Amino acid sequence: MFLAFLLLCLSNRFSQIDGAIVLFDVETNSLARILRGHVRQVQYFSWSPCGRYLLSCSQDFRVIRWDLTKAGEESSRSVRFVAPVYCAEFHPKNTCVTNQLHMVL
């Protein structure tokens, strides 16, 4: 089953919701989920090949892997880096995460 989502990143330096990721279901034309975990602007998204995971990286020095089949604190896992992260992607053949520093999440 193919799920179609539109991703929106809320980033406003004057708001309380900076860094939130909004998943909008285009099939039902409704809000699917709001992912809160970043505290600064999100720079990049990557979907896993299976569609279960979403990877986000941010200027808050963190990369977060979101498990969209789970809710609450179990739905995410993050790694903090020493500098802002501008790009991170899933490996095309599995769900390991690599970035320019070759760290695995």
PDB file of N, CA and C in Angstrom:
ATOM      1  N   MET A   1       0.844  -1.178   0.000  1.00  0.00           N
ATOM      2  CA  MET A   1       0.000   0.000   0.000  1.00  0.00           C
ATOM      3  C   MET A   1       0.888   1.240   0.000  1.00  0.00           C
ATOM      4  N   PHE A   2       0.642   2.123  -0.916  1.00  0.00           N
ATOM      5  CA  PHE A   2       1.436   3.337  -1.036  1.00  0.00           C
ATOM      6  C   PHE A   2       0.803   4.448  -0.212  1.00  0.00           C
ATOM      7  N   LEU A   3       1.582   5.030   0.659  1.00  0.00           N
ATOM      8  CA  LEU A   3       1.112   6.151   1.471  1.00  0.00           C
ATOM      9  C   LEU A   3       1.707   7.437   0.930  1.00  0.00           C
ATOM     10  N   ALA A   4       0.875   8.404   0.693  1.00  0.00           N
ATOM     11  CA  ALA A   4       1.339   9.681   0.165  1.00  0.00           C
ATOM     12  C   ALA A   4       1.269  10.726   1.270  1.00  0.00           C
ATOM     13  N   PHE A   5       2.408  11.267   1.608  1.00  0.00           N
ATOM     14  CA  PHE A   5       2.474  12.297   2.639  1.00  0.00           C
ATOM     15  C   PHE A   5       3.155  13.531   2.091  1.00  0.00           C
ATOM     16  N   LEU A   6       2.727  14.649   2.541  1.00  0.00           N
ATOM     17  CA  LEU A   6       3.384  15.917   2.274  1.00  0.00           C
ATOM     18  C   LEU A   6       4.052  16.333   3.567  1.00  0.00           C
ATOM     19  N   LEU A   7       5.332  16.652   3.504  1.00  0.00           N
ATOM     20  CA  LEU A   7       6.078  17.076   4.683  1.00  0.00           C
ATOM     21  C   LEU A   7       6.154  18.590   4.731  1.00  0.00           C
ATOM     22  N   LEU A   8       5.877  19.128   5.881  1.00  0.00           N
ATOM     23  CA  LEU A   8       6.030  20.554   6.109  1.00  0.00           C
ATOM     24  C   LEU A   8       6.907  20.745   7.323  1.00  0.00           C
ATOM     25  N   CYS A   9       7.783  21.674   7.234  1.00  0.00           N
ATOM     26  CA  CYS A   9       8.661  21.967   8.362  1.00  0.00           C
ATOM     27  C   CYS A   9       8.311  23.347   8.881  1.00  0.00           C
ATOM     28  N   LEU A  10       7.934  23.419  10.146  1.00  0.00           N
ATOM     29  CA  LEU A  10       7.571  24.695  10.739  1.00  0.00           C
ATOM     30  C   LEU A  10       8.807  25.322  11.366  1.00  0.00           C
ATOM     31  N   SER A  11       9.199  26.434  10.834  1.00  0.00           N
ATOM     32  CA  SER A  11      10.398  27.087  11.331  1.00  0.00           C
ATOM     33  C   SER A  11      10.178  28.591  11.362  1.00  0.00           C
ATOM     34  N   ASN A  12      10.039  29.099  12.554  1.00  0.00           N
ATOM     35  CA  ASN A  12       9.828  30.519  12.740  1.00  0.00           C
ATOM     36  C   ASN A  12      10.552  30.903  14.016  1.00  0.00           C
ATOM     37  N   ARG A  13      11.501  31.763  13.922  1.00  0.00           N
ATOM     38  CA  ARG A  13      12.307  32.073  15.100  1.00  0.00           C
ATOM     39  C   ARG A  13      11.524  32.772  16.199  1.00  0.00           C
ATOM     40  N   PHE A  14      10.307  33.198  15.894  1.00  0.00           N
ATOM     41  CA  PHE A  14       9.490  33.863  16.896  1.00  0.00           C
ATOM     42  C   PHE A  14       8.405  32.948  17.475  1.00  0.00           C
ATOM     43  N   SER A  15       8.346  31.698  17.025  1.00  0.00           N
ATOM     44  CA  SER A  15       7.266  30.821  17.484  1.00  0.00           C
ATOM     45  C   SER A  15       7.770  29.778  18.467  1.00  0.00           C
ATOM     46  N   GLN A  16       6.851  29.106  19.101  1.00  0.00           N
ATOM     47  CA  GLN A  16       7.157  28.036  20.043  1.00  0.00           C
ATOM     48  C   GLN A  16       7.287  26.687  19.346  1.00  0.00           C
ATOM     49  N   ILE A  17       6.987  26.608  18.047  1.00  0.00           N
ATOM     50  CA  ILE A  17       6.947  25.333  17.350  1.00  0.00           C
ATOM     51  C   ILE A  17       8.106  25.157  16.382  1.00  0.00           C
ATOM     52  N   ASP A  18       9.157  25.887  16.569  1.00  0.00           N
ATOM     53  CA  ASP A  18      10.307  25.818  15.676  1.00  0.00           C
ATOM     54  C   ASP A  18      10.844  24.393  15.611  1.00  0.00           C
ATOM     55  N   GLY A  19      11.037  23.887  14.413  1.00  0.00           N
ATOM     56  CA  GLY A  19      11.594  22.561  14.236  1.00  0.00           C
ATOM     57  C   GLY A  19      10.584  21.441  14.166  1.00  0.00           C
ATOM     58  N   ALA A  20       9.301  21.731  14.283  1.00  0.00           N
ATOM     59  CA  ALA A  20       8.289  20.684  14.187  1.00  0.00           C
ATOM     60  C   ALA A  20       8.160  20.223  12.737  1.00  0.00           C
ATOM     61  N   ILE A  21       7.888  18.933  12.572  1.00  0.00           N
ATOM     62  CA  ILE A  21       7.680  18.346  11.255  1.00  0.00           C
ATOM     63  C   ILE A  21       6.218  17.935  11.179  1.00  0.00           C
ATOM     64  N   VAL A  22       5.540  18.363  10.136  1.00  0.00           N
ATOM     65  CA  VAL A  22       4.123  18.055   9.962  1.00  0.00           C
ATOM     66  C   VAL A  22       3.984  17.089   8.798  1.00  0.00           C
ATOM     67  N   LEU A  23       3.325  15.959   9.053  1.00  0.00           N
ATOM     68  CA  LEU A  23       3.002  15.000   8.000  1.00  0.00           C
ATOM     69  C   LEU A  23       1.543  15.200   7.614  1.00  0.00           C
ATOM     70  N   PHE A  24       1.334  15.499   6.361  1.00  0.00           N
ATOM     71  CA  PHE A  24      -0.009  15.754   5.861  1.00  0.00           C
ATOM     72  C   PHE A  24      -0.360  14.655   4.871  1.00  0.00           C
ATOM     73  N   ASP A  25      -1.452  13.937   5.118  1.00  0.00           N
ATOM     74  CA  ASP A  25      -1.889  12.845   4.258  1.00  0.00           C
ATOM     75  C   ASP A  25      -2.644  13.427   3.065  1.00  0.00           C
ATOM     76  N   VAL A  26      -2.060  13.297   1.867  1.00  0.00           N
ATOM     77  CA  VAL A  26      -2.687  13.892   0.691  1.00  0.00           C
ATOM     78  C   VAL A  26      -3.861  13.066   0.176  1.00  0.00           C
ATOM     79  N   GLU A  27      -3.946  11.796   0.558  1.00  0.00           N
ATOM     80  CA  GLU A  27      -5.087  10.971   0.129  1.00  0.00           C
ATOM     81  C   GLU A  27      -6.360  11.346   0.871  1.00  0.00           C
ATOM     82  N   THR A  28      -6.245  11.610   2.174  1.00  0.00           N
ATOM     83  CA  THR A  28      -7.423  11.972   2.968  1.00  0.00           C
ATOM     84  C   THR A  28      -7.550  13.477   3.171  1.00  0.00           C
ATOM     85  N   ASN A  29      -6.547  14.222   2.698  1.00  0.00           N
ATOM     86  CA  ASN A  29      -6.530  15.671   2.839  1.00  0.00           C
ATOM     87  C   ASN A  29      -6.649  16.084   4.311  1.00  0.00           C
ATOM     88  N   SER A  30      -5.839  15.416   5.151  1.00  0.00           N
ATOM     89  CA  SER A  30      -5.900  15.699   6.583  1.00  0.00           C
ATOM     90  C   SER A  30      -4.512  15.612   7.211  1.00  0.00           C
ATOM     91  N   LEU A  31      -4.422  16.169   8.393  1.00  0.00           N
ATOM     92  CA  LEU A  31      -3.194  16.109   9.164  1.00  0.00           C
ATOM     93  C   LEU A  31      -2.970  14.680   9.642  1.00  0.00           C
ATOM     94  N   ALA A  32      -1.813  14.087   9.342  1.00  0.00           N
ATOM     95  CA  ALA A  32      -1.532  12.721   9.745  1.00  0.00           C
ATOM     96  C   ALA A  32      -0.808  12.687  11.088  1.00  0.00           C
ATOM     97  N   ARG A  33       0.180  13.581  11.246  1.00  0.00           N
ATOM     98  CA  ARG A  33       0.993  13.520  12.462  1.00  0.00           C
ATOM     99  C   ARG A  33       1.880  14.754  12.557  1.00  0.00           C
ATOM    100  N   ILE A  34       2.194  15.151  13.779  1.00  0.00           N
ATOM    101  CA  ILE A  34       3.178  16.203  14.020  1.00  0.00           C
ATOM    102  C   ILE A  34       4.322  15.576  14.801  1.00  0.00           C
ATOM    103  N   LEU A  35       5.528  15.716  14.273  1.00  0.00           N
ATOM    104  CA  LEU A  35       6.724  15.163  14.910  1.00  0.00           C
ATOM    105  C   LEU A  35       7.490  16.299  15.559  1.00  0.00           C
ATOM    106  N   ARG A  36       7.626  16.219  16.878  1.00  0.00           N
ATOM    107  CA  ARG A  36       8.366  17.252  17.612  1.00  0.00           C
ATOM    108  C   ARG A  36       9.609  16.626  18.220  1.00  0.00           C
ATOM    109  N   GLY A  37      10.746  17.225  17.956  1.00  0.00           N
ATOM    110  CA  GLY A  37      11.994  16.708  18.492  1.00  0.00           C
ATOM    111  C   GLY A  37      13.143  17.665  18.238  1.00  0.00           C
ATOM    112  N   HIS A  38      13.071  18.369  17.144  1.00  0.00           N
ATOM    113  CA  HIS A  38      14.096  19.367  16.838  1.00  0.00           C
ATOM    114  C   HIS A  38      13.722  20.699  17.469  1.00  0.00           C
ATOM    115  N   VAL A  39      14.724  21.468  17.840  1.00  0.00           N
ATOM    116  CA  VAL A  39      14.469  22.781  18.436  1.00  0.00           C
ATOM    117  C   VAL A  39      14.954  23.917  17.541  1.00  0.00           C
ATOM    118  N   ARG A  40      15.530  23.558  16.416  1.00  0.00           N
ATOM    119  CA  ARG A  40      15.938  24.548  15.413  1.00  0.00           C
ATOM    120  C   ARG A  40      15.480  24.088  14.037  1.00  0.00           C
ATOM    121  N   GLN A  41      15.787  24.891  13.056  1.00  0.00           N
ATOM    122  CA  GLN A  41      15.337  24.641  11.696  1.00  0.00           C
ATOM    123  C   GLN A  41      15.790  23.276  11.173  1.00  0.00           C
ATOM    124  N   VAL A  42      14.852  22.525  10.624  1.00  0.00           N
ATOM    125  CA  VAL A  42      15.148  21.240  10.007  1.00  0.00           C
ATOM    126  C   VAL A  42      15.691  21.499   8.609  1.00  0.00           C
ATOM    127  N   GLN A  43      16.795  20.831   8.278  1.00  0.00           N
ATOM    128  CA  GLN A  43      17.473  21.073   7.020  1.00  0.00           C
ATOM    129  C   GLN A  43      17.151  20.065   5.925  1.00  0.00           C
ATOM    130  N   TYR A  44      16.874  18.816   6.308  1.00  0.00           N
ATOM    131  CA  TYR A  44      16.772  17.773   5.297  1.00  0.00           C
ATOM    132  C   TYR A  44      15.925  16.617   5.804  1.00  0.00           C
ATOM    133  N   PHE A  45      15.206  15.967   4.893  1.00  0.00           N
ATOM    134  CA  PHE A  45      14.426  14.771   5.183  1.00  0.00           C
ATOM    135  C   PHE A  45      14.870  13.643   4.281  1.00  0.00           C
ATOM    136  N   SER A  46      14.716  12.420   4.774  1.00  0.00           N
ATOM    137  CA  SER A  46      14.985  11.246   3.949  1.00  0.00           C
ATOM    138  C   SER A  46      14.043  10.129   4.392  1.00  0.00           C
ATOM    139  N   TRP A  47      13.375   9.504   3.437  1.00  0.00           N
ATOM    140  CA  TRP A  47      12.515   8.359   3.718  1.00  0.00           C
ATOM    141  C   TRP A  47      13.327   7.089   3.578  1.00  0.00           C
ATOM    142  N   SER A  48      13.052   6.094   4.431  1.00  0.00           N
ATOM    143  CA  SER A  48      13.695   4.790   4.291  1.00  0.00           C
ATOM    144  C   SER A  48      13.092   4.085   3.079  1.00  0.00           C
ATOM    145  N   PRO A  49      13.829   3.147   2.482  1.00  0.00           N
ATOM    146  CA  PRO A  49      13.298   2.429   1.323  1.00  0.00           C
ATOM    147  C   PRO A  49      11.971   1.726   1.597  1.00  0.00           C
ATOM    148  N   CYS A  50      11.752   1.266   2.825  1.00  0.00           N
ATOM    149  CA  CYS A  50      10.509   0.565   3.154  1.00  0.00           C
ATOM    150  C   CYS A  50       9.369   1.530   3.479  1.00  0.00           C
ATOM    151  N   GLY A  51       9.667   2.812   3.702  1.00  0.00           N
ATOM    152  CA  GLY A  51       8.654   3.803   4.017  1.00  0.00           C
ATOM    153  C   GLY A  51       8.256   3.863   5.481  1.00  0.00           C
ATOM    154  N   ARG A  52       8.867   3.039   6.313  1.00  0.00           N
ATOM    155  CA  ARG A  52       8.519   3.004   7.735  1.00  0.00           C
ATOM    156  C   ARG A  52       9.186   4.135   8.514  1.00  0.00           C
ATOM    157  N   TYR A  53      10.368   4.540   8.090  1.00  0.00           N
ATOM    158  CA  TYR A  53      11.162   5.507   8.842  1.00  0.00           C
ATOM    159  C   TYR A  53      11.311   6.816   8.073  1.00  0.00           C
ATOM    160  N   LEU A  54      11.402   7.878   8.834  1.00  0.00           N
ATOM    161  CA  LEU A  54      11.722   9.194   8.303  1.00  0.00           C
ATOM    162  C   LEU A  54      12.952   9.683   9.045  1.00  0.00           C
ATOM    163  N   LEU A  55      13.891  10.221   8.318  1.00  0.00           N
ATOM    164  CA  LEU A  55      15.117  10.746   8.902  1.00  0.00           C
ATOM    165  C   LEU A  55      15.109  12.253   8.734  1.00  0.00           C
ATOM    166  N   SER A  56      15.408  12.977   9.808  1.00  0.00           N
ATOM    167  CA  SER A  56      15.475  14.435   9.724  1.00  0.00           C
ATOM    168  C   SER A  56      16.768  14.912  10.365  1.00  0.00           C
ATOM    169  N   CYS A  57      17.324  15.966   9.799  1.00  0.00           N
ATOM    170  CA  CYS A  57      18.528  16.561  10.390  1.00  0.00           C
ATOM    171  C   CYS A  57      18.308  18.065  10.496  1.00  0.00           C
ATOM    172  N   SER A  58      19.021  18.662  11.460  1.00  0.00           N
ATOM    173  CA  SER A  58      18.681  20.017  11.840  1.00  0.00           C
ATOM    174  C   SER A  58      19.905  20.828  12.246  1.00  0.00           C
ATOM    175  N   GLN A  59      19.672  22.119  12.358  1.00  0.00           N
ATOM    176  CA  GLN A  59      20.695  23.022  12.863  1.00  0.00           C
ATOM    177  C   GLN A  59      20.860  22.905  14.370  1.00  0.00           C
ATOM    178  N   ASP A  60      20.074  22.053  15.016  1.00  0.00           N
ATOM    179  CA  ASP A  60      20.236  21.837  16.452  1.00  0.00           C
ATOM    180  C   ASP A  60      21.268  20.743  16.750  1.00  0.00           C
ATOM    181  N   PHE A  61      22.060  20.375  15.738  1.00  0.00           N
ATOM    182  CA  PHE A  61      23.165  19.412  15.832  1.00  0.00           C
ATOM    183  C   PHE A  61      22.683  17.971  15.936  1.00  0.00           C
ATOM    184  N   ARG A  62      21.402  17.706  15.654  1.00  0.00           N
ATOM    185  CA  ARG A  62      20.892  16.350  15.835  1.00  0.00           C
ATOM    186  C   ARG A  62      20.314  15.767  14.553  1.00  0.00           C
ATOM    187  N   VAL A  63      20.410  14.444  14.454  1.00  0.00           N
ATOM    188  CA  VAL A  63      19.736  13.660  13.435  1.00  0.00           C
ATOM    189  C   VAL A  63      18.744  12.774  14.175  1.00  0.00           C
ATOM    190  N   ILE A  64      17.508  12.757  13.717  1.00  0.00           N
ATOM    191  CA  ILE A  64      16.476  11.947  14.356  1.00  0.00           C
ATOM    192  C   ILE A  64      15.904  10.961  13.344  1.00  0.00           C
ATOM    193  N   ARG A  65      15.846   9.689  13.755  1.00  0.00           N
ATOM    194  CA  ARG A  65      15.166   8.670  12.955  1.00  0.00           C
ATOM    195  C   ARG A  65      13.797   8.449  13.581  1.00  0.00           C
ATOM    196  N   TRP A  66      12.760   8.714  12.822  1.00  0.00           N
ATOM    197  CA  TRP A  66      11.383   8.580  13.278  1.00  0.00           C
ATOM    198  C   TRP A  66      10.818   7.257  12.777  1.00  0.00           C
ATOM    199  N   ASP A  67      10.274   6.448  13.680  1.00  0.00           N
ATOM    200  CA  ASP A  67       9.578   5.222  13.315  1.00  0.00           C
ATOM    201  C   ASP A  67       8.101   5.579  13.251  1.00  0.00           C
ATOM    202  N   LEU A  68       7.550   5.636  12.060  1.00  0.00           N
ATOM    203  CA  LEU A  68       6.181   6.117  11.886  1.00  0.00           C
ATOM    204  C   LEU A  68       5.131   5.089  12.267  1.00  0.00           C
ATOM    205  N   THR A  69       5.555   3.881  12.653  1.00  0.00           N
ATOM    206  CA  THR A  69       4.599   2.874  13.113  1.00  0.00           C
ATOM    207  C   THR A  69       4.399   2.930  14.621  1.00  0.00           C
ATOM    208  N   LYS A  70       5.201   3.744  15.305  1.00  0.00           N
ATOM    209  CA  LYS A  70       5.131   3.839  16.767  1.00  0.00           C
ATOM    210  C   LYS A  70       4.742   5.250  17.194  1.00  0.00           C
ATOM    211  N   ALA A  71       4.343   5.370  18.444  1.00  0.00           N
ATOM    212  CA  ALA A  71       3.972   6.682  18.995  1.00  0.00           C
ATOM    213  C   ALA A  71       4.755   6.935  20.276  1.00  0.00           C
ATOM    214  N   GLY A  72       4.799   8.182  20.681  1.00  0.00           N
ATOM    215  CA  GLY A  72       5.466   8.545  21.926  1.00  0.00           C
ATOM    216  C   GLY A  72       6.979   8.547  21.804  1.00  0.00           C
ATOM    217  N   GLU A  73       7.641   8.372  22.945  1.00  0.00           N
ATOM    218  CA  GLU A  73       9.096   8.424  22.973  1.00  0.00           C
ATOM    219  C   GLU A  73       9.747   7.266  22.231  1.00  0.00           C
ATOM    220  N   GLU A  74       9.022   6.158  22.078  1.00  0.00           N
ATOM    221  CA  GLU A  74       9.556   5.009  21.349  1.00  0.00           C
ATOM    222  C   GLU A  74       9.626   5.262  19.850  1.00  0.00           C
ATOM    223  N   SER A  75       9.008   6.321  19.375  1.00  0.00           N
ATOM    224  CA  SER A  75       8.931   6.563  17.939  1.00  0.00           C
ATOM    225  C   SER A  75      10.173   7.222  17.355  1.00  0.00           C
ATOM    226  N   SER A  76      11.101   7.672  18.200  1.00  0.00           N
ATOM    227  CA  SER A  76      12.269   8.359  17.649  1.00  0.00           C
ATOM    228  C   SER A  76      13.554   7.938  18.359  1.00  0.00           C
ATOM    229  N   ARG A  77      14.629   8.090  17.623  1.00  0.00           N
ATOM    230  CA  ARG A  77      15.971   7.862  18.157  1.00  0.00           C
ATOM    231  C   ARG A  77      16.864   8.946  17.564  1.00  0.00           C
ATOM    232  N   SER A  78      17.660   9.587  18.408  1.00  0.00           N
ATOM    233  CA  SER A  78      18.466  10.700  17.903  1.00  0.00           C
ATOM    234  C   SER A  78      19.939  10.542  18.261  1.00  0.00           C
ATOM    235  N   VAL A  79      20.751  11.188  17.445  1.00  0.00           N
ATOM    236  CA  VAL A  79      22.192  11.268  17.665  1.00  0.00           C
ATOM    237  C   VAL A  79      22.579  12.731  17.579  1.00  0.00           C
ATOM    238  N   ARG A  80      23.366  13.180  18.538  1.00  0.00           N
ATOM    239  CA  ARG A  80      23.825  14.570  18.557  1.00  0.00           C
ATOM    240  C   ARG A  80      25.248  14.646  18.015  1.00  0.00           C
ATOM    241  N   PHE A  81      25.494  15.642  17.170  1.00  0.00           N
ATOM    242  CA  PHE A  81      26.803  15.860  16.576  1.00  0.00           C
ATOM    243  C   PHE A  81      27.420  17.139  17.137  1.00  0.00           C
ATOM    244  N   VAL A  82      28.630  17.451  16.756  1.00  0.00           N
ATOM    245  CA  VAL A  82      29.332  18.624  17.275  1.00  0.00           C
ATOM    246  C   VAL A  82      29.087  19.871  16.427  1.00  0.00           C
ATOM    247  N   ALA A  83      28.299  19.738  15.377  1.00  0.00           N
ATOM    248  CA  ALA A  83      28.005  20.857  14.487  1.00  0.00           C
ATOM    249  C   ALA A  83      26.630  20.636  13.870  1.00  0.00           C
ATOM    250  N   PRO A  84      26.045  21.669  13.290  1.00  0.00           N
ATOM    251  CA  PRO A  84      24.755  21.481  12.614  1.00  0.00           C
ATOM    252  C   PRO A  84      24.868  20.421  11.518  1.00  0.00           C
ATOM    253  N   VAL A  85      23.796  19.669  11.317  1.00  0.00           N
ATOM    254  CA  VAL A  85      23.774  18.620  10.304  1.00  0.00           C
ATOM    255  C   VAL A  85      22.874  19.089   9.171  1.00  0.00           C
ATOM    256  N   TYR A  86      23.417  19.114   7.968  1.00  0.00           N
ATOM    257  CA  TYR A  86      22.683  19.644   6.825  1.00  0.00           C
ATOM    258  C   TYR A  86      22.158  18.569   5.881  1.00  0.00           C
ATOM    259  N   CYS A  87      22.681  17.350   5.995  1.00  0.00           N
ATOM    260  CA  CYS A  87      22.214  16.287   5.112  1.00  0.00           C
ATOM    261  C   CYS A  87      22.533  14.933   5.738  1.00  0.00           C
ATOM    262  N   ALA A  88      21.577  14.022   5.706  1.00  0.00           N
ATOM    263  CA  ALA A  88      21.767  12.645   6.148  1.00  0.00           C
ATOM    264  C   ALA A  88      20.759  11.800   5.388  1.00  0.00           C
ATOM    265  N   GLU A  89      21.160  10.599   4.986  1.00  0.00           N
ATOM    266  CA  GLU A  89      20.280   9.745   4.203  1.00  0.00           C
ATOM    267  C   GLU A  89      20.360   8.310   4.660  1.00  0.00           C
ATOM    268  N   PHE A  90      19.294   7.556   4.365  1.00  0.00           N
ATOM    269  CA  PHE A  90      19.304   6.124   4.605  1.00  0.00           C
ATOM    270  C   PHE A  90      20.143   5.438   3.544  1.00  0.00           C
ATOM    271  N   HIS A  91      20.769   4.347   3.937  1.00  0.00           N
ATOM    272  CA  HIS A  91      21.444   3.505   2.958  1.00  0.00           C
ATOM    273  C   HIS A  91      20.367   2.918   2.052  1.00  0.00           C
ATOM    274  N   PRO A  92      20.583   2.847   0.741  1.00  0.00           N
ATOM    275  CA  PRO A  92      19.513   2.384  -0.152  1.00  0.00           C
ATOM    276  C   PRO A  92      19.108   0.921   0.034  1.00  0.00           C
ATOM    277  N   LYS A  93      19.944   0.109   0.687  1.00  0.00           N
ATOM    278  CA  LYS A  93      19.624  -1.315   0.819  1.00  0.00           C
ATOM    279  C   LYS A  93      19.222  -1.734   2.221  1.00  0.00           C
ATOM    280  N   ASN A  94      19.305  -0.849   3.206  1.00  0.00           N
ATOM    281  CA  ASN A  94      18.863  -1.183   4.557  1.00  0.00           C
ATOM    282  C   ASN A  94      18.480   0.096   5.288  1.00  0.00           C
ATOM    283  N   THR A  95      18.195   0.001   6.572  1.00  0.00           N
ATOM    284  CA  THR A  95      17.738   1.170   7.320  1.00  0.00           C
ATOM    285  C   THR A  95      18.834   1.781   8.185  1.00  0.00           C
ATOM    286  N   CYS A  96      20.088   1.418   7.939  1.00  0.00           N
ATOM    287  CA  CYS A  96      21.179   2.084   8.643  1.00  0.00           C
ATOM    288  C   CYS A  96      21.319   3.495   8.102  1.00  0.00           C
ATOM    289  N   VAL A  97      21.667   4.404   8.962  1.00  0.00           N
ATOM    290  CA  VAL A  97      21.797   5.795   8.583  1.00  0.00           C
ATOM    291  C   VAL A  97      23.269   6.156   8.504  1.00  0.00           C
ATOM    292  N   THR A  98      23.649   6.802   7.435  1.00  0.00           N
ATOM    293  CA  THR A  98      25.012   7.302   7.339  1.00  0.00           C
ATOM    294  C   THR A  98      24.964   8.773   6.959  1.00  0.00           C
ATOM    295  N   ASN A  99      25.969   9.508   7.388  1.00  0.00           N
ATOM    296  CA  ASN A  99      26.082  10.898   6.977  1.00  0.00           C
ATOM    297  C   ASN A  99      27.509  11.133   6.503  1.00  0.00           C
ATOM    298  N   GLN A 100      27.864  12.358   6.346  1.00  0.00           N
ATOM    299  CA  GLN A 100      29.193  12.656   5.828  1.00  0.00           C
ATOM    300  C   GLN A 100      30.301  12.191   6.757  1.00  0.00           C
ATOM    301  N   LEU A 101      30.007  12.002   8.035  1.00  0.00           N
ATOM    302  CA  LEU A 101      31.006  11.538   8.999  1.00  0.00           C
ATOM    303  C   LEU A 101      30.982  10.018   9.142  1.00  0.00           C
ATOM    304  N   HIS A 102      30.124   9.359   8.380  1.00  0.00           N
ATOM    305  CA  HIS A 102      29.983   7.900   8.386  1.00  0.00           C
ATOM    306  C   HIS A 102      29.619   7.360   9.756  1.00  0.00           C
ATOM    307  N   MET A 103      28.780   8.067  10.459  1.00  0.00           N
ATOM    308  CA  MET A 103      28.282   7.585  11.748  1.00  0.00           C
ATOM    309  C   MET A 103      26.982   6.834  11.495  1.00  0.00           C
ATOM    310  N   VAL A 104      26.702   5.867  12.323  1.00  0.00           N
ATOM    311  CA  VAL A 104      25.519   5.039  12.133  1.00  0.00           C
ATOM    312  C   VAL A 104      24.538   5.280  13.267  1.00  0.00           C
ATOM    313  N   LEU A 105      23.273   5.412  12.892  1.00  0.00           N
ATOM    314  CA  LEU A 105      22.201   5.628  13.860  1.00  0.00           C
ATOM    315  C   LEU A 105      21.414   4.348  13.996  1.00  0.00           C
TER     316      LEU A 105
END
